[in-house]
Amino acid sequence: MTSVVSSQAMYCFFSTPEITPRFRVRVQSGSGGGNSKVSPSDSALVIGEKDKKFGGRIDSWNASLKCGIKKKSVKDVISSDLDVLWDDGYGTKTAKDFFEGAKEMIRPDGGPPRWFCPTECGQPLKDSPILLFCPGIVGVGLALTLHHKALGKVFEVRCLHIPVNDRTPFEGLVKFVEETVRLEHASSPNKPIYLVGDSFGGCLVLAVAARNPEIDLVVILANPATSFDRSQLRPLIPLWEALPDGLYNALPYLLSFVMGNPVEMARVNIEYRLPPRLQIEQLFQNLIALLPHLSDLVDIIPKDTLIWKLKLLKSAASYANSRLHAVKAEVLVLSSGNDHMLPSGDEAQRLKRTLKNCTVRYFKDNGHNILMEGGVNLLTVIKGTGKYRRSRRIDLVLDFIPPSMSEFKQGYDEVIGLLRFATGSAMFSTLNDGKIVKGLHGVPNEGPVLLVGYHMLMGLEVYSLVPEFLREKNIMVRGVTHPVVFRERQGVSSPEFSLADWMKVMGAVPVTASNLFNLLSAKSHVLLYPGGAREALHNRGEEYKLFWPDQQEFVRMAARFGATIVPFGTVGEDDVAELVLDYNDFMKIPVINDYIRDANRNSIRLRDKSKGEVANQELYLPGILPKVPGRFYFLFGKPIETKDRKEEILEDRENANQLYLHIKSEVERCIAYLLKKREEDPYRSIVDRTVYRALHSPLHEVPAFDP
C-alpha cells in the first residue's frame, strides 16, 4: 500500500528506458482508520509519456501500487545480487537534506496519513522484503534520508507520512499500519516484514507486532518512546501549552539540541581518512550550513501540533507497554548514550529483559535522532546483527549482502585502521609456473577457491587478509569462523557494535559442513583454518606450528565442487607481541582457572573429542605484551586444482589423505620461506615504513623484500 505525495517523494521507478510502467492505484482515504475504497478498475492510471511519467502530483492518500510492465517483465530488469563494494550512498545525504525535504512535504493538503517511497530508494533486488518506516513525533517520514539509497537496494521501502494538521488517534494509526502489514503478509506469506520505528514510531510498530504475533515480523526500534513516562520532557507539557507564540519560535533551537546531537549530524559526510585539520574544517562548515534550517522546525511541527503529538506520545507509550508481553517478533533496539529526550539506554535494557527475542546495540556518542546522525548506518547494523533475511529462515549464503564502499572505508580506516597501520602487511603469491610475485596475482579470480592456511595468535592476520583481497582484487573472501563469534554477548548490559559484528558484515559465517558446502556451491572464495582455535590460542614456543586434525575434513568437500585449493602461510605475530601467559599458565592461577572452565562449559564443540588435541581447545584471552610493531607477511602457494581429480579423491580416501598432507606441507613451506625472507626486508620496522610512507606512497605500497 503506497502513495506518492510529491515530485520529491514519488514511487520508486524503473530507470530502464525501454520499459513503460503502468500503475494501478487502489485509493483508500479517510482519517482515523476510516477509508473509502475505489475498485482497481475504476482507479487504474496509465502514465506513458515521458513528461507525465514522474512530473505530476498524484493525489491519493493511501494507495497500493502495482506495476505492470510493457515489453519486458520485472524479472528481466531486476538484479538478483549486488557487486562487491557497491555504492550505498551513505554520506551523500545529511540532516540538511531532511529539513529541505520536510519543508516541502508539510504543505497543507487536508489528507490523512499515507505511505510513500522516496525516489532515492530506487529499484530493490529481486525478492527483497518490504520495510515499513514509522516516524517520530515530527511525522514527516523522512528520518531515513541518510539511508534511503542503501535500504532501497535490499528492501521495498515505504515511509509513513503523518500530515502536520492530522489528528488521527494512536489506535487509528495502529490500525492503519496493521492493515498494510496484513495485506503485505497475504501477498507474500513466506517473506518477513520489517517494521522500523523511530521514537514515537517505536511504540507504533510494537503495538502492531503485539496485535499480529502470527506474522513474521522483524522490528527495529531507534530510541523507542516506550520510556516516555520517565522522560524529563513530560512535566513540561503544561508549560508549553501556556507558552506565548512569540516565545515558541525560539523553542526549535532548544529542541534541536534535546532531540539530537548537531555535531553528530554534521559529521555524517566527513571521511575518517582526512587529516584532523580538514575534518574539523568540514565539521565547522557543515554546522554553519545546518543551523539556519533549525528554524524550519517551527513550520514542521507548530505549537498546537507539538502539544497534540506529546499527548499522543503519552497514549502511545501506555498502549505499547501494556502489550509488550504479546510481542513474538524478532526485535533489534538501537540505543543512544547521549539521548537527552528519553532514557534510551535504560529502556533498551528493560526491553531486552521483557521481550522474548530482543537484540540491543548501544551507540554511546549519539543523540535521540540516531538515524540522522553520523556513525550509524542502519543497513550495516542490520547486517552486523544478522537480521537481514528474505525468507522465514536466514540463509548465510543467499541472504548475504556484500560490503559497500562506505562500509569498506569505515572498516578499513576506523575499525582496523590502527592494526593495519601497525602491521603494514606485505602480500605475495605463487603463479602456476611456481614463480613467487608481489601481490595476489597468483590467486585465481574465479571461484570456487578454498584458501587454507595457518592461524596466527588470536587470528590477527584475518583483519589484513580479507580487506587486501577487496582492495587489490575486488574479491569477497568468506571466512568460516568459530560459532562463538555469532553468539549474542551475555552479561553485557549495553553491547556496542563490535568487531564481531563487523566480521559478519565482511562475510564471516560459522564453521559448519553445511556452510562450507553452500559457499563452495556458490563459487565463493572461502577462508579456512584447519587448526582453528588450537592454532590461534597456541602456547608459548608453539608459534608457526600447525595443529591440524588427522582427518582430511575439507579436501573431499573441495573436490566435490572442483574447487581450487590455495595453501598459504603467514608470519609476524612474534613481531607485534610476545605471549607471556598461555592456557597452561592461567590454569595454575586460582579463580581465573575456574572462570575459564565456567565460560567454556556450555561452549560449542566443533569436533568430537576423539579427534585429539585440536578438538579440546578451550577459549580464553591470552596474556600478551605488545612490541614495537614489525610486519605481517603472507605467501599464497601454488594453486592446487581438484576438478580433474574429483573422482580419484572422492572414491579413494588414501588419495584424499595424500593431497591433505601435501597441502599441509605447502603451508609449512610458505611459513619457512617468509621467516627466512623477512630478514631481507628493509621496511620490516614500523619506524622505517612510517618514514617511507611520509616521503613516498600510501601504506599498501610500501615495498618489502624481493621474492
Foldseek 3Di string as FASTA:
>chain_A
DAFAAALQFAQADDPDVVKAKWKQKWAWFDFQQHTDTDDSVVRTDGDGDPCRRRHDGDPGAAIDIDIDIPPDDPVVRAAAADAFQACQQQLVDFVLVVLVVLLVRQPDDPTAKYKTQGNLLHAEHPLAEAEEEAEALLQQFCLLVNRNSNCSHRHSYITIHGHQPGQHFLVSLLSVVLVVQVVSCVVPVFFEYEYEYAALGLLSVLLSLLVCVPGAYEYEYQLHVLQVVVWPCLVCLVVLVPDDQVVVLVVLVVVVVQQWPLLQRLQRNPAPPDPPVVSVVSSVVSSVSPVVSSSSVCVSHPSVSVSSSSVSSVVSSVSSVVRQQSRNYAYEYEFEQANNGGPSLVVLLVSVVRHDHYHYAYHHPIYSSRSNGHPCNPVLLCQLLVNFDSGSDRDLPSRAHHAHNVLLSCLCCPVCNVVCLQALEWEWEAAQVGDIDTDDPRQDPWFDEEEEAFQAAQNSCVSVVQSSCCVPVVAQEAEAAACVLNDRDPPDSHHHSDPSSSSSNSHYHHDDPVSLLVCRVVRHHYYDYQLHPCRNQDDPPCGLPGDHFQALVCLLSCLVSFGKYKYKEKDFPVQWKDFDFGPVNQCVDPPSVVVQCVVQVPGDFPDDPVRPDSRPDGDDDTDIGTDQHFHMYMYIYRIDTNPVVSVVVNVDVVVSSVVSVVSVVRNSVNHVVCVVQQVVFPRRGSVSLVVCCVPPHDSNPRDTGGD
